């Protein structure tokens, strides 16, 4: 639950960007990290439904992690 109080009248919205990949099982040790980082657009899958956790990481992709 979130309690949010303001002293002025403004419009606020709260969004949830849940992303689940078909090849990342909930029981895997890395599933929580993948879900968390994908929802914040720090990491991406190879498609909308495939993360490919066994694929090699390219140098350009790892730079994105360091930059973020």
PDB file of N, CA and C in Angstrom:
ATOM      1  N   UNK A   1       0.841  -1.170   0.000  1.00  0.00           N
ATOM      2  CA  UNK A   1       0.000   0.000   0.000  1.00  0.00           C
ATOM      3  C   UNK A   1       0.888   1.236   0.000  1.00  0.00           C
ATOM      4  N   UNK A   2       0.450   2.246  -0.717  1.00  0.00           N
ATOM      5  CA  UNK A   2       1.171   3.512  -0.793  1.00  0.00           C
ATOM      6  C   UNK A   2       0.271   4.610  -0.260  1.00  0.00           C
ATOM      7  N   UNK A   3       0.798   5.406   0.651  1.00  0.00           N
ATOM      8  CA  UNK A   3       0.071   6.553   1.182  1.00  0.00           C
ATOM      9  C   UNK A   3       0.764   7.806   0.667  1.00  0.00           C
ATOM     10  N   UNK A   4       0.039   8.607  -0.086  1.00  0.00           N
ATOM     11  CA  UNK A   4       0.622   9.779  -0.726  1.00  0.00           C
ATOM     12  C   UNK A   4      -0.228  10.987  -0.379  1.00  0.00           C
ATOM     13  N   UNK A   5       0.354  11.967   0.311  1.00  0.00           N
ATOM     14  CA  UNK A   5      -0.383  13.159   0.715  1.00  0.00           C
ATOM     15  C   UNK A   5       0.304  14.402   0.162  1.00  0.00           C
ATOM     16  N   UNK A   6      -0.503  15.337  -0.321  1.00  0.00           N
ATOM     17  CA  UNK A   6       0.029  16.603  -0.813  1.00  0.00           C
ATOM     18  C   UNK A   6      -0.719  17.748  -0.158  1.00  0.00           C
ATOM     19  N   UNK A   7      -0.158  18.921  -0.251  1.00  0.00           N
ATOM     20  CA  UNK A   7      -0.814  20.112   0.291  1.00  0.00           C
ATOM     21  C   UNK A   7      -1.422  20.950  -0.831  1.00  0.00           C
ATOM     22  N   UNK A   8      -1.479  20.398  -2.044  1.00  0.00           N
ATOM     23  CA  UNK A   8      -2.040  21.127  -3.186  1.00  0.00           C
ATOM     24  C   UNK A   8      -2.786  20.146  -4.080  1.00  0.00           C
ATOM     25  N   UNK A   9      -3.591  20.678  -4.977  1.00  0.00           N
ATOM     26  CA  UNK A   9      -4.383  19.849  -5.887  1.00  0.00           C
ATOM     27  C   UNK A   9      -3.659  19.698  -7.215  1.00  0.00           C
ATOM     28  N   UNK A  10      -3.160  18.533  -7.466  1.00  0.00           N
ATOM     29  CA  UNK A  10      -2.486  18.203  -8.722  1.00  0.00           C
ATOM     30  C   UNK A  10      -2.897  16.793  -9.117  1.00  0.00           C
ATOM     31  N   UNK A  11      -2.672  16.459 -10.370  1.00  0.00           N
ATOM     32  CA  UNK A  11      -2.965  15.110 -10.849  1.00  0.00           C
ATOM     33  C   UNK A  11      -1.693  14.282 -10.830  1.00  0.00           C
ATOM     34  N   UNK A  12      -1.783  13.083 -10.277  1.00  0.00           N
ATOM     35  CA  UNK A  12      -0.665  12.165 -10.221  1.00  0.00           C
ATOM     36  C   UNK A  12      -1.126  10.806 -10.726  1.00  0.00           C
ATOM     37  N   UNK A  13      -0.219  10.082 -11.300  1.00  0.00           N
ATOM     38  CA  UNK A  13      -0.531   8.730 -11.764  1.00  0.00           C
ATOM     39  C   UNK A  13       0.577   7.791 -11.322  1.00  0.00           C
ATOM     40  N   UNK A  14       0.199   6.590 -11.031  1.00  0.00           N
ATOM     41  CA  UNK A  14       1.147   5.555 -10.640  1.00  0.00           C
ATOM     42  C   UNK A  14       1.036   4.431 -11.654  1.00  0.00           C
ATOM     43  N   UNK A  15       2.145   4.071 -12.266  1.00  0.00           N
ATOM     44  CA  UNK A  15       2.122   3.034 -13.285  1.00  0.00           C
ATOM     45  C   UNK A  15       2.939   1.828 -12.874  1.00  0.00           C
ATOM     46  N   UNK A  16       2.581   0.706 -13.451  1.00  0.00           N
ATOM     47  CA  UNK A  16       3.303  -0.538 -13.218  1.00  0.00           C
ATOM     48  C   UNK A  16       3.699  -1.095 -14.572  1.00  0.00           C
ATOM     49  N   UNK A  17       4.966  -1.344 -14.759  1.00  0.00           N
ATOM     50  CA  UNK A  17       5.486  -1.810 -16.038  1.00  0.00           C
ATOM     51  C   UNK A  17       6.022  -3.223 -15.875  1.00  0.00           C
ATOM     52  N   UNK A  18       5.134  -4.157 -15.544  1.00  0.00           N
ATOM     53  CA  UNK A  18       5.567  -5.532 -15.315  1.00  0.00           C
ATOM     54  C   UNK A  18       5.925  -6.196 -16.641  1.00  0.00           C
ATOM     55  N   UNK A  19       7.112  -6.771 -16.700  1.00  0.00           N
ATOM     56  CA  UNK A  19       7.583  -7.466 -17.893  1.00  0.00           C
ATOM     57  C   UNK A  19       7.987  -8.878 -17.481  1.00  0.00           C
ATOM     58  N   UNK A  20       7.449  -9.852 -18.170  1.00  0.00           N
ATOM     59  CA  UNK A  20       7.779 -11.260 -17.914  1.00  0.00           C
ATOM     60  C   UNK A  20       8.246 -11.885 -19.214  1.00  0.00           C
ATOM     61  N   UNK A  21       9.325 -12.633 -19.136  1.00  0.00           N
ATOM     62  CA  UNK A  21       9.866 -13.332 -20.294  1.00  0.00           C
ATOM     63  C   UNK A  21       9.538 -14.816 -20.184  1.00  0.00           C
ATOM     64  N   UNK A  22       9.215 -15.443 -21.316  1.00  0.00           N
ATOM     65  CA  UNK A  22       8.850 -16.860 -21.322  1.00  0.00           C
ATOM     66  C   UNK A  22       9.999 -17.779 -20.940  1.00  0.00           C
ATOM     67  N   UNK A  23      11.239 -17.353 -21.152  1.00  0.00           N
ATOM     68  CA  UNK A  23      12.379 -18.216 -20.869  1.00  0.00           C
ATOM     69  C   UNK A  23      13.065 -17.900 -19.538  1.00  0.00           C
ATOM     70  N   UNK A  24      12.426 -17.103 -18.693  1.00  0.00           N
ATOM     71  CA  UNK A  24      12.940 -16.819 -17.346  1.00  0.00           C
ATOM     72  C   UNK A  24      11.901 -17.337 -16.354  1.00  0.00           C
ATOM     73  N   UNK A  25      12.162 -18.524 -15.817  1.00  0.00           N
ATOM     74  CA  UNK A  25      11.229 -19.149 -14.878  1.00  0.00           C
ATOM     75  C   UNK A  25      11.265 -18.424 -13.537  1.00  0.00           C
ATOM     76  N   UNK A  26      10.122 -18.296 -12.877  1.00  0.00           N
ATOM     77  CA  UNK A  26      10.080 -17.597 -11.575  1.00  0.00           C
ATOM     78  C   UNK A  26      11.015 -18.178 -10.521  1.00  0.00           C
ATOM     79  N   UNK A  27      11.351 -19.449 -10.601  1.00  0.00           N
ATOM     80  CA  UNK A  27      12.218 -20.069  -9.605  1.00  0.00           C
ATOM     81  C   UNK A  27      13.705 -19.882  -9.841  1.00  0.00           C
ATOM     82  N   UNK A  28      14.083 -19.347 -10.997  1.00  0.00           N
ATOM     83  CA  UNK A  28      15.511 -19.151 -11.281  1.00  0.00           C
ATOM     84  C   UNK A  28      16.099 -18.089 -10.361  1.00  0.00           C
ATOM     85  N   UNK A  29      17.367 -18.245 -10.018  1.00  0.00           N
ATOM     86  CA  UNK A  29      18.009 -17.323  -9.074  1.00  0.00           C
ATOM     87  C   UNK A  29      18.067 -15.903  -9.620  1.00  0.00           C
ATOM     88  N   UNK A  30      18.043 -15.725 -10.924  1.00  0.00           N
ATOM     89  CA  UNK A  30      18.173 -14.405 -11.534  1.00  0.00           C
ATOM     90  C   UNK A  30      16.831 -13.793 -11.956  1.00  0.00           C
ATOM     91  N   UNK A  31      15.720 -14.488 -11.773  1.00  0.00           N
ATOM     92  CA  UNK A  31      14.438 -14.016 -12.286  1.00  0.00           C
ATOM     93  C   UNK A  31      14.012 -12.684 -11.663  1.00  0.00           C
ATOM     94  N   UNK A  32      14.232 -12.499 -10.387  1.00  0.00           N
ATOM     95  CA  UNK A  32      13.870 -11.238  -9.734  1.00  0.00           C
ATOM     96  C   UNK A  32      14.644 -10.058 -10.292  1.00  0.00           C
ATOM     97  N   UNK A  33      15.939 -10.255 -10.521  1.00  0.00           N
ATOM     98  CA  UNK A  33      16.770  -9.181 -11.063  1.00  0.00           C
ATOM     99  C   UNK A  33      16.381  -8.851 -12.496  1.00  0.00           C
ATOM    100  N   UNK A  34      16.112  -9.879 -13.301  1.00  0.00           N
ATOM    101  CA  UNK A  34      15.725  -9.652 -14.691  1.00  0.00           C
ATOM    102  C   UNK A  34      14.393  -8.904 -14.748  1.00  0.00           C
ATOM    103  N   UNK A  35      13.417  -9.333 -13.965  1.00  0.00           N
ATOM    104  CA  UNK A  35      12.114  -8.664 -13.945  1.00  0.00           C
ATOM    105  C   UNK A  35      12.249  -7.208 -13.500  1.00  0.00           C
ATOM    106  N   UNK A  36      13.015  -6.971 -12.445  1.00  0.00           N
ATOM    107  CA  UNK A  36      13.199  -5.616 -11.908  1.00  0.00           C
ATOM    108  C   UNK A  36      13.871  -4.698 -12.928  1.00  0.00           C
ATOM    109  N   UNK A  37      14.958  -5.162 -13.519  1.00  0.00           N
ATOM    110  CA  UNK A  37      15.711  -4.325 -14.468  1.00  0.00           C
ATOM    111  C   UNK A  37      14.970  -4.136 -15.790  1.00  0.00           C
ATOM    112  N   UNK A  38      14.252  -5.148 -16.242  1.00  0.00           N
ATOM    113  CA  UNK A  38      13.485  -5.016 -17.483  1.00  0.00           C
ATOM    114  C   UNK A  38      12.325  -4.040 -17.307  1.00  0.00           C
ATOM    115  N   UNK A  39      11.684  -4.054 -16.156  1.00  0.00           N
ATOM    116  CA  UNK A  39      10.579  -3.127 -15.895  1.00  0.00           C
ATOM    117  C   UNK A  39      11.056  -1.680 -15.884  1.00  0.00           C
ATOM    118  N   UNK A  40      12.311  -1.464 -15.544  1.00  0.00           N
ATOM    119  CA  UNK A  40      12.875  -0.101 -15.508  1.00  0.00           C
ATOM    120  C   UNK A  40      13.668   0.228 -16.771  1.00  0.00           C
ATOM    121  N   UNK A  41      13.570  -0.657 -17.761  1.00  0.00           N
ATOM    122  CA  UNK A  41      14.199  -0.484 -19.070  1.00  0.00           C
ATOM    123  C   UNK A  41      15.717  -0.363 -19.014  1.00  0.00           C
ATOM    124  N   UNK A  42      16.326  -1.025 -18.023  1.00  0.00           N
ATOM    125  CA  UNK A  42      17.781  -1.083 -17.930  1.00  0.00           C
ATOM    126  C   UNK A  42      18.297  -2.202 -18.822  1.00  0.00           C
ATOM    127  N   UNK A  43      17.565  -3.317 -18.864  1.00  0.00           N
ATOM    128  CA  UNK A  43      17.899  -4.424 -19.755  1.00  0.00           C
ATOM    129  C   UNK A  43      16.694  -4.714 -20.635  1.00  0.00           C
ATOM    130  N   UNK A  44      16.968  -5.335 -21.777  1.00  0.00           N
ATOM    131  CA  UNK A  44      15.917  -5.725 -22.711  1.00  0.00           C
ATOM    132  C   UNK A  44      16.141  -7.165 -23.123  1.00  0.00           C
ATOM    133  N   UNK A  45      15.081  -7.795 -23.564  1.00  0.00           N
ATOM    134  CA  UNK A  45      15.202  -9.136 -24.105  1.00  0.00           C
ATOM    135  C   UNK A  45      15.531  -9.076 -25.584  1.00  0.00           C
ATOM    136  N   UNK A  46      15.701 -10.242 -26.176  1.00  0.00           N
ATOM    137  CA  UNK A  46      15.946 -10.293 -27.616  1.00  0.00           C
ATOM    138  C   UNK A  46      14.648 -10.095 -28.388  1.00  0.00           C
ATOM    139  N   UNK A  47      13.507 -10.261 -27.700  1.00  0.00           N
ATOM    140  CA  UNK A  47      12.192  -9.934 -28.246  1.00  0.00           C
ATOM    141  C   UNK A  47      11.292  -9.577 -27.070  1.00  0.00           C
ATOM    142  N   UNK A  48      10.026  -9.353 -27.349  1.00  0.00           N
ATOM    143  CA  UNK A  48       9.093  -8.977 -26.283  1.00  0.00           C
ATOM    144  C   UNK A  48       8.881 -10.084 -25.262  1.00  0.00           C
ATOM    145  N   UNK A  49       9.077 -11.344 -25.677  1.00  0.00           N
ATOM    146  CA  UNK A  49       8.786 -12.468 -24.793  1.00  0.00           C
ATOM    147  C   UNK A  49       9.990 -13.355 -24.497  1.00  0.00           C
ATOM    148  N   UNK A  50      11.136 -13.054 -25.086  1.00  0.00           N
ATOM    149  CA  UNK A  50      12.331 -13.891 -24.904  1.00  0.00           C
ATOM    150  C   UNK A  50      13.478 -13.026 -24.395  1.00  0.00           C
ATOM    151  N   UNK A  51      14.063 -13.445 -23.267  1.00  0.00           N
ATOM    152  CA  UNK A  51      15.206 -12.732 -22.699  1.00  0.00           C
ATOM    153  C   UNK A  51      16.532 -13.338 -23.141  1.00  0.00           C
ATOM    154  N   UNK A  52      16.581 -14.642 -23.340  1.00  0.00           N
ATOM    155  CA  UNK A  52      17.789 -15.380 -23.732  1.00  0.00           C
ATOM    156  C   UNK A  52      18.894 -15.251 -22.682  1.00  0.00           C
ATOM    157  N   UNK A  53      18.657 -15.769 -21.472  1.00  0.00           N
ATOM    158  CA  UNK A  53      19.650 -15.641 -20.403  1.00  0.00           C
ATOM    159  C   UNK A  53      20.955 -16.376 -20.666  1.00  0.00           C
ATOM    160  N   UNK A  54      20.959 -17.350 -21.572  1.00  0.00           N
ATOM    161  CA  UNK A  54      22.170 -18.103 -21.882  1.00  0.00           C
ATOM    162  C   UNK A  54      22.988 -17.467 -23.004  1.00  0.00           C
ATOM    163  N   UNK A  55      22.480 -16.420 -23.640  1.00  0.00           N
ATOM    164  CA  UNK A  55      23.175 -15.772 -24.759  1.00  0.00           C
ATOM    165  C   UNK A  55      24.374 -14.973 -24.250  1.00  0.00           C
ATOM    166  N   UNK A  56      25.349 -14.793 -25.112  1.00  0.00           N
ATOM    167  CA  UNK A  56      26.516 -13.987 -24.754  1.00  0.00           C
ATOM    168  C   UNK A  56      26.142 -12.508 -24.715  1.00  0.00           C
ATOM    169  N   UNK A  57      26.743 -11.783 -23.791  1.00  0.00           N
ATOM    170  CA  UNK A  57      26.490 -10.351 -23.656  1.00  0.00           C
ATOM    171  C   UNK A  57      27.458  -9.591 -24.555  1.00  0.00           C
ATOM    172  N   UNK A  58      26.920  -8.737 -25.393  1.00  0.00           N
ATOM    173  CA  UNK A  58      27.761  -7.931 -26.273  1.00  0.00           C
ATOM    174  C   UNK A  58      28.331  -6.742 -25.517  1.00  0.00           C
ATOM    175  N   UNK A  59      29.455  -6.269 -25.952  1.00  0.00           N
ATOM    176  CA  UNK A  59      30.140  -5.163 -25.288  1.00  0.00           C
ATOM    177  C   UNK A  59      29.261  -3.916 -25.201  1.00  0.00           C
ATOM    178  N   UNK A  60      28.551  -3.597 -26.261  1.00  0.00           N
ATOM    179  CA  UNK A  60      27.708  -2.407 -26.274  1.00  0.00           C
ATOM    180  C   UNK A  60      26.592  -2.507 -25.237  1.00  0.00           C
ATOM    181  N   UNK A  61      26.062  -3.711 -25.073  1.00  0.00           N
ATOM    182  CA  UNK A  61      24.981  -3.930 -24.120  1.00  0.00           C
ATOM    183  C   UNK A  61      25.475  -3.776 -22.684  1.00  0.00           C
ATOM    184  N   UNK A  62      26.670  -4.266 -22.407  1.00  0.00           N
ATOM    185  CA  UNK A  62      27.207  -4.138 -21.048  1.00  0.00           C
ATOM    186  C   UNK A  62      27.527  -2.687 -20.714  1.00  0.00           C
ATOM    187  N   UNK A  63      27.865  -1.881 -21.693  1.00  0.00           N
ATOM    188  CA  UNK A  63      28.099  -0.449 -21.445  1.00  0.00           C
ATOM    189  C   UNK A  63      26.816   0.227 -20.984  1.00  0.00           C
ATOM    190  N   UNK A  64      25.677  -0.199 -21.521  1.00  0.00           N
ATOM    191  CA  UNK A  64      24.396   0.364 -21.099  1.00  0.00           C
ATOM    192  C   UNK A  64      24.160   0.111 -19.618  1.00  0.00           C
ATOM    193  N   UNK A  65      24.521  -1.067 -19.137  1.00  0.00           N
ATOM    194  CA  UNK A  65      24.346  -1.371 -17.722  1.00  0.00           C
ATOM    195  C   UNK A  65      25.193  -0.454 -16.857  1.00  0.00           C
ATOM    196  N   UNK A  66      26.427  -0.230 -17.251  1.00  0.00           N
ATOM    197  CA  UNK A  66      27.344   0.604 -16.466  1.00  0.00           C
ATOM    198  C   UNK A  66      26.870   2.052 -16.475  1.00  0.00           C
ATOM    199  N   UNK A  67      26.396   2.496 -17.616  1.00  0.00           N
ATOM    200  CA  UNK A  67      25.946   3.885 -17.753  1.00  0.00           C
ATOM    201  C   UNK A  67      24.713   4.154 -16.907  1.00  0.00           C
ATOM    202  N   UNK A  68      23.818   3.160 -16.809  1.00  0.00           N
ATOM    203  CA  UNK A  68      22.593   3.349 -16.040  1.00  0.00           C
ATOM    204  C   UNK A  68      22.881   3.127 -14.589  1.00  0.00           C
TER     205      UNK A  68
END
